[in-house]
Amino acid sequence: MIDSFGRKINYARIAVTDLCNLRCVYCMPEEGIEKKQCVEILRIEEILIIAEALTELGIDKIRLTGGEPLVRHGFLTLVEKIGSMEGIRDLAVTTNGVLLPELGQQLLDAGLKRVNISLDTFDRDKYTKITRGGDVNRVLHGIETALSLGFEQVKINVVLMEGFNDDEIKAFTSLTIDQPLDVRFIEIMPFEGQHAFAEGRFLPATAVLHRCPELKPVTSEDPSAPAKYYQFPGAKGRVGLIEPLSHGFCSSCNRLRITADGHLLTCLHCREEKDLRPYLGDKEMLKQVIKKEIDRKPGTHRIGDGPLMERDMGKIGG
């Protein structure tokens, strides 16, 4: 699919649940999100209908997100069925890593190719604080599991926060020297419900380069990737900078998002959504609706004062 700005849209992020086993402060409010009724959340069969429509329209890369996708009942079946769809060349998941030790091998066997793991600190107390009760050792075990199983790619996503984890930048980047993984630093974004937390914690991703001047730029194999990549001389992995606020990457954006309740977002910060559920009984109509929304995909996201998006990040899908 080509949108009205000439961008090739071939990447979909599908949230398979709004539930999570953590409560990260920049993702959801302290009381958690309002749990939706089961009938409001897409069934596995409905997710597959949308995935099939997307692949027939030219989507060849799908990432499964949540909430925490690994808590979704039937997730392994979903991975297997999407991975076997004609046209899918890349199937990935974004996870907090907590359940990877138990499910990693099954996910690999089901056809999952790549794993992104969210980790913002190595410090046990800070991790417990920012996740409101999580255990960082379980995540570290999950990372070790993913690397040992031999997924095609393992990435660690770090939300960069001044005064919280900027003192750990070197510790994170050093992981890439001896391990074949990418560590990506993501600028914190103010979403509804977390704007107060994000206020004053923004740190441009270029701070990583100031702390690690040995890093050298490298060419990404995917020109539409949001991260700019760097590498230590002789390192096995890479360091990525994702800068949605300070530099942006809208001109090469190739993605769309499906929320767990079946709404299509053509931009992470778009306030307009399209409910796809009324069209699930007619795949051709569903495809027409998706194409129409792609034509309306904005050229850039809104950057200004206040929240960029009325949904919490936990309600959108990571």
Protein backbone atom coordinates (compact mmCIF):
# COMPACT_ATOMS: atom_id res chain seq x y z
CA MET A 1 0.00 0.00 0.00
CA ILE A 2 1.16 3.51 -0.82
CA ASP A 3 -0.28 6.39 1.20
CA SER A 4 -1.01 9.91 -0.02
CA PHE A 5 2.55 10.99 0.82
CA GLY A 6 4.14 8.24 -1.26
CA ARG A 7 5.17 6.11 1.72
CA LYS A 8 5.01 2.35 1.34
CA ILE A 9 2.95 0.94 4.22
CA ASN A 10 4.04 -2.64 4.86
CA TYR A 11 4.28 -2.93 8.65
CA ALA A 12 1.45 -3.52 11.15
CA ARG A 13 1.61 -3.62 14.93
CA ILE A 14 -1.28 -5.61 16.36
CA ALA A 15 -2.13 -5.41 20.06
CA VAL A 16 -3.53 -8.77 21.12
CA THR A 17 -4.54 -7.80 24.65
CA ASP A 18 -4.94 -4.74 26.87
CA LEU A 19 -3.78 -6.71 29.93
CA CYS A 20 -0.28 -6.69 31.39
CA ASN A 21 1.54 -8.34 34.28
CA LEU A 22 3.38 -5.06 35.02
CA ARG A 23 2.21 -1.47 35.57
CA CYS A 24 4.98 0.68 34.10
CA VAL A 25 4.58 4.32 35.11
CA TYR A 26 4.94 5.74 31.59
CA CYS A 27 2.53 3.18 30.12
CA MET A 28 -0.48 3.28 32.43
CA PRO A 29 -1.80 5.13 35.48
CA GLU A 30 -1.15 3.74 38.97
CA GLU A 31 -4.64 2.29 39.28
CA GLY A 32 -4.10 0.43 36.01
CA ILE A 33 -6.26 0.69 32.93
CA GLU A 34 -9.96 0.11 32.94
CA LYS A 35 -10.31 -3.55 32.03
CA LYS A 36 -12.42 -4.06 28.95
CA GLN A 37 -15.07 -6.73 28.77
CA CYS A 38 -14.10 -9.89 26.90
CA VAL A 39 -16.61 -9.08 24.18
CA GLU A 40 -14.79 -5.79 23.53
CA ILE A 41 -11.45 -7.45 22.86
CA LEU A 42 -10.79 -9.04 19.48
CA ARG A 43 -11.05 -12.82 19.50
CA ILE A 44 -8.16 -14.83 18.07
CA GLU A 45 -10.28 -15.56 15.00
CA GLU A 46 -10.95 -11.84 14.49
CA ILE A 47 -7.28 -10.95 14.81
CA LEU A 48 -6.55 -13.53 12.11
CA ILE A 49 -9.19 -12.03 9.81
CA ILE A 50 -7.55 -8.61 10.15
CA ALA A 51 -4.07 -10.07 9.70
CA GLU A 52 -5.15 -11.86 6.52
CA ALA A 53 -6.68 -8.68 5.12
CA LEU A 54 -3.51 -6.77 5.91
CA THR A 55 -1.25 -9.31 4.21
CA GLU A 56 -3.46 -9.29 1.12
CA LEU A 57 -3.03 -5.50 1.02
CA GLY A 58 0.75 -5.78 1.12
CA ILE A 59 1.65 -5.90 4.80
CA ASP A 60 4.59 -8.28 5.08
CA LYS A 61 5.81 -7.46 8.60
CA ILE A 62 3.68 -7.90 11.70
CA ARG A 63 4.61 -7.22 15.31
CA LEU A 64 2.39 -8.54 18.10
CA THR A 65 2.10 -6.29 21.14
CA GLY A 66 -0.10 -5.71 24.16
CA GLY A 67 -0.40 -4.87 27.02
CA GLU A 68 1.81 -7.87 27.49
CA PRO A 69 1.12 -10.19 24.54
CA LEU A 70 2.46 -13.32 26.20
CA VAL A 71 -0.38 -13.28 28.75
CA ARG A 72 -2.98 -13.63 25.98
CA HIS A 73 -4.69 -17.01 25.96
CA GLY A 74 -4.09 -18.67 22.58
CA PHE A 75 -1.07 -16.53 21.78
CA LEU A 76 1.04 -19.45 20.56
CA THR A 77 -1.70 -20.47 18.13
CA LEU A 78 -1.90 -16.89 16.90
CA VAL A 79 1.86 -16.78 16.27
CA GLU A 80 1.78 -20.05 14.38
CA LYS A 81 -1.15 -19.07 12.16
CA ILE A 82 0.10 -15.57 11.32
CA GLY A 83 3.61 -16.86 10.73
CA SER A 84 2.30 -19.32 8.16
CA MET A 85 0.35 -16.70 6.17
CA GLU A 86 1.48 -16.19 2.60
CA GLY A 87 3.37 -12.95 2.25
CA ILE A 88 4.56 -12.64 5.86
CA ARG A 89 8.33 -12.33 5.84
CA ASP A 90 8.77 -11.06 9.41
CA LEU A 91 6.85 -11.86 12.59
CA ALA A 92 8.00 -10.29 15.84
CA VAL A 93 6.82 -9.58 19.38
CA THR A 94 7.38 -6.80 21.88
CA THR A 95 7.36 -8.13 25.44
CA ASN A 96 8.49 -7.23 28.93
CA GLY A 97 10.38 -10.53 28.93
CA VAL A 98 8.94 -11.89 32.16
CA LEU A 99 7.43 -14.99 30.55
CA LEU A 100 10.15 -15.68 27.99
CA PRO A 101 11.94 -18.34 30.08
CA GLU A 102 8.75 -20.43 30.09
CA LEU A 103 7.49 -19.67 26.58
CA GLY A 104 10.59 -18.80 24.53
CA GLN A 105 11.14 -22.23 23.00
CA GLN A 106 7.46 -22.63 22.13
CA LEU A 107 7.41 -19.20 20.49
CA LEU A 108 10.44 -20.06 18.40
CA ASP A 109 8.91 -23.37 17.37
CA ALA A 110 5.66 -21.59 16.44
CA GLY A 111 7.51 -19.38 13.97
CA LEU A 112 8.38 -16.20 15.86
CA LYS A 113 11.48 -14.63 14.34
CA ARG A 114 12.35 -11.56 16.41
CA VAL A 115 11.94 -10.42 20.00
CA ASN A 116 11.98 -6.91 21.45
CA ILE A 117 12.30 -6.80 25.24
CA SER A 118 11.51 -3.70 27.29
CA LEU A 119 14.01 -2.93 30.06
CA ASP A 120 14.66 0.53 31.49
CA THR A 121 17.06 -0.19 34.34
CA PHE A 122 19.29 -2.91 35.74
CA ASP A 123 18.75 -1.67 39.28
CA ARG A 124 16.43 -3.94 41.22
CA ASP A 125 14.83 -1.19 43.32
CA LYS A 126 14.40 1.23 40.42
CA TYR A 127 12.87 -1.51 38.26
CA THR A 128 10.42 -2.43 41.00
CA LYS A 129 9.49 1.23 41.35
CA ILE A 130 8.99 2.01 37.67
CA THR A 131 7.04 -1.21 36.99
CA ARG A 132 5.17 -0.98 40.30
CA GLY A 133 6.25 -4.38 41.57
CA GLY A 134 8.24 -6.13 38.83
CA ASP A 135 11.36 -8.24 39.34
CA VAL A 136 14.25 -7.24 37.07
CA ASN A 137 15.92 -10.63 37.48
CA ARG A 138 13.06 -12.31 35.65
CA VAL A 139 13.56 -9.95 32.70
CA LEU A 140 17.32 -10.54 32.64
CA HIS A 141 16.60 -14.28 32.59
CA GLY A 142 14.22 -13.66 29.70
CA ILE A 143 16.92 -11.85 27.73
CA GLU A 144 19.36 -14.69 28.35
CA THR A 145 16.72 -17.16 27.18
CA ALA A 146 16.04 -15.25 23.95
CA LEU A 147 19.75 -15.06 23.13
CA SER A 148 20.41 -18.71 23.92
CA LEU A 149 17.49 -19.91 21.77
CA GLY A 150 18.86 -18.15 18.71
CA PHE A 151 16.02 -15.89 17.56
CA GLU A 152 16.93 -14.07 14.35
CA GLN A 153 17.13 -10.82 16.29
CA VAL A 154 16.92 -9.75 19.91
CA LYS A 155 16.50 -6.09 20.84
CA ILE A 156 16.29 -4.31 24.17
CA ASN A 157 14.11 -1.20 24.27
CA VAL A 158 15.12 1.41 26.84
CA VAL A 159 12.92 4.44 27.50
CA LEU A 160 15.45 7.19 28.22
CA MET A 161 14.58 9.26 31.31
CA GLU A 162 16.67 12.04 32.80
CA GLY A 163 17.30 11.53 36.48
CA PHE A 164 16.21 7.91 36.35
CA ASN A 165 18.35 5.83 34.00
CA ASP A 166 20.67 8.26 32.24
CA ASP A 167 23.38 7.09 34.65
CA GLU A 168 23.03 3.58 33.15
CA ILE A 169 23.59 4.51 29.51
CA LYS A 170 27.10 3.04 29.43
CA ALA A 171 25.95 -0.14 31.14
CA PHE A 172 23.26 -0.64 28.50
CA THR A 173 25.49 0.15 25.53
CA SER A 174 28.19 -2.20 26.81
CA LEU A 175 25.80 -5.12 26.32
CA THR A 176 26.24 -4.74 22.57
CA ILE A 177 29.99 -5.32 22.66
CA ASP A 178 29.97 -9.06 23.36
CA GLN A 179 26.33 -9.94 22.68
CA PRO A 180 24.64 -10.10 19.23
CA LEU A 181 21.79 -7.82 20.26
CA ASP A 182 20.62 -4.27 19.66
CA VAL A 183 20.00 -1.84 22.50
CA ARG A 184 17.64 0.95 21.45
CA PHE A 185 17.12 4.14 23.45
CA ILE A 186 13.68 5.68 22.99
CA GLU A 187 12.76 9.24 23.91
CA ILE A 188 9.98 9.38 26.48
CA MET A 189 6.64 10.53 25.07
CA PRO A 190 3.83 12.16 27.09
CA PHE A 191 0.60 10.20 26.79
CA GLU A 192 -2.71 10.76 28.54
CA GLY A 193 -2.46 9.74 32.20
CA GLN A 194 1.36 9.81 32.25
CA HIS A 195 2.02 13.39 31.20
CA ALA A 196 2.88 14.45 34.75
CA PHE A 197 5.45 11.67 35.05
CA ALA A 198 7.06 12.48 31.71
CA GLU A 199 7.28 16.18 32.51
CA GLY A 200 10.90 17.13 33.20
CA ARG A 201 12.27 13.67 32.38
CA PHE A 202 12.72 14.16 28.65
CA LEU A 203 16.28 13.58 27.47
CA PRO A 204 17.19 13.67 23.78
CA ALA A 205 18.51 10.35 22.56
CA THR A 206 21.68 12.08 21.36
CA ALA A 207 22.71 12.14 25.03
CA VAL A 208 23.79 8.54 24.41
CA LEU A 209 26.37 9.73 21.88
CA HIS A 210 27.69 12.30 24.31
CA ARG A 211 28.17 9.61 26.97
CA CYS A 212 29.66 7.12 24.50
CA PRO A 213 31.72 9.07 21.93
CA GLU A 214 33.30 5.81 20.68
CA LEU A 215 30.04 4.90 18.93
CA LYS A 216 30.20 5.18 15.15
CA PRO A 217 27.18 5.42 12.81
CA VAL A 218 26.30 2.33 10.78
CA THR A 219 23.87 1.90 7.92
CA SER A 220 20.56 0.27 8.77
CA GLU A 221 19.41 -2.61 6.58
CA ASP A 222 15.90 -1.12 6.73
CA PRO A 223 15.69 2.54 5.62
CA SER A 224 12.19 2.83 7.12
CA ALA A 225 13.38 1.75 10.59
CA PRO A 226 12.79 4.48 13.21
CA ALA A 227 16.18 3.92 14.85
CA LYS A 228 19.47 5.44 13.80
CA TYR A 229 22.13 2.83 14.51
CA TYR A 230 25.62 3.11 15.94
CA GLN A 231 28.25 0.58 16.90
CA PHE A 232 31.38 0.25 18.99
CA PRO A 233 34.38 -0.84 16.89
CA GLY A 234 34.37 -4.63 16.71
CA ALA A 235 31.10 -5.00 18.64
CA LYS A 236 28.69 -7.86 17.93
CA GLY A 237 25.58 -5.72 18.43
CA ARG A 238 24.37 -2.19 17.80
CA VAL A 239 23.07 0.84 19.67
CA GLY A 240 19.93 2.45 18.28
CA LEU A 241 18.47 5.91 18.89
CA ILE A 242 14.74 6.45 18.38
CA GLU A 243 13.91 10.16 18.42
CA PRO A 244 10.18 10.75 17.84
CA LEU A 245 10.27 14.16 19.53
CA SER A 246 13.68 15.69 18.91
CA HIS A 247 14.13 14.63 15.29
CA GLY A 248 11.17 12.50 14.17
CA PHE A 249 10.96 9.98 11.35
CA CYS A 250 7.49 10.61 9.92
CA SER A 251 8.73 10.97 6.34
CA SER A 252 9.69 7.29 6.26
CA CYS A 253 6.92 5.90 8.48
CA ASN A 254 5.68 2.60 7.05
CA ARG A 255 3.39 1.38 9.82
CA LEU A 256 -0.10 1.23 11.20
CA ARG A 257 -1.51 -0.05 14.47
CA ILE A 258 -4.44 -2.20 15.46
CA THR A 259 -5.59 -1.87 19.08
CA ALA A 260 -6.77 -4.81 21.15
CA ASP A 261 -10.37 -3.63 20.75
CA GLY A 262 -10.11 -3.55 16.96
CA HIS A 263 -9.41 0.10 16.17
CA LEU A 264 -7.03 1.13 13.39
CA LEU A 265 -4.56 3.94 14.05
CA THR A 266 -2.44 5.10 11.14
CA CYS A 267 -0.22 7.16 13.46
CA LEU A 268 0.81 6.54 17.06
CA HIS A 269 -0.20 10.09 17.96
CA CYS A 270 -3.29 10.28 15.79
CA ARG A 271 -6.49 11.20 17.63
CA GLU A 272 -8.65 9.65 14.93
CA GLU A 273 -9.35 5.91 15.03
CA LYS A 274 -11.38 3.59 12.84
CA ASP A 275 -13.30 0.72 14.39
CA LEU A 276 -12.74 -2.32 12.16
CA ARG A 277 -15.09 -4.68 13.97
CA PRO A 278 -18.21 -3.81 11.93
CA TYR A 279 -16.41 -5.01 8.78
CA LEU A 280 -14.99 -8.32 9.99
CA GLY A 281 -17.76 -10.31 8.30
CA ASP A 282 -16.81 -8.99 4.84
CA LYS A 283 -13.08 -9.14 4.16
CA GLU A 284 -13.28 -7.20 0.91
CA MET A 285 -15.11 -4.36 2.66
CA LEU A 286 -12.58 -4.57 5.49
CA LYS A 287 -9.75 -4.15 3.00
CA GLN A 288 -11.46 -1.15 1.42
CA VAL A 289 -11.87 0.51 4.81
CA ILE A 290 -8.19 -0.09 5.66
CA LYS A 291 -7.09 1.34 2.31
CA LYS A 292 -9.24 4.42 2.85
CA GLU A 293 -7.68 4.99 6.28
CA ILE A 294 -4.19 4.59 4.82
CA ASP A 295 -5.03 7.37 2.36
CA ARG A 296 -5.83 9.56 5.39
CA LYS A 297 -2.60 8.76 7.24
CA PRO A 298 -1.14 12.10 8.38
CA GLY A 299 2.17 13.34 7.07
CA THR A 300 3.47 14.01 10.56
CA HIS A 301 2.39 13.60 14.16
CA ARG A 302 1.40 16.57 16.29
CA ILE A 303 4.07 17.84 18.63
CA GLY A 304 3.04 20.47 21.11
CA ASP A 305 2.08 21.11 24.69
CA GLY A 306 0.20 18.47 26.61
CA PRO A 307 -0.42 14.82 25.82
CA LEU A 308 0.15 13.68 22.27
CA MET A 309 -2.51 11.00 22.42
CA GLU A 310 -5.73 10.65 24.39
CA ARG A 311 -5.25 6.91 24.95
CA ASP A 312 -2.72 5.64 27.48
CA MET A 313 0.18 3.85 25.80
CA GLY A 314 -1.07 0.67 27.44
CA LYS A 315 -4.34 1.03 25.54
CA ILE A 316 -2.66 1.54 22.18
CA GLY A 317 -0.16 -1.29 22.03
CA GLY A 318 3.61 -0.92 22.43
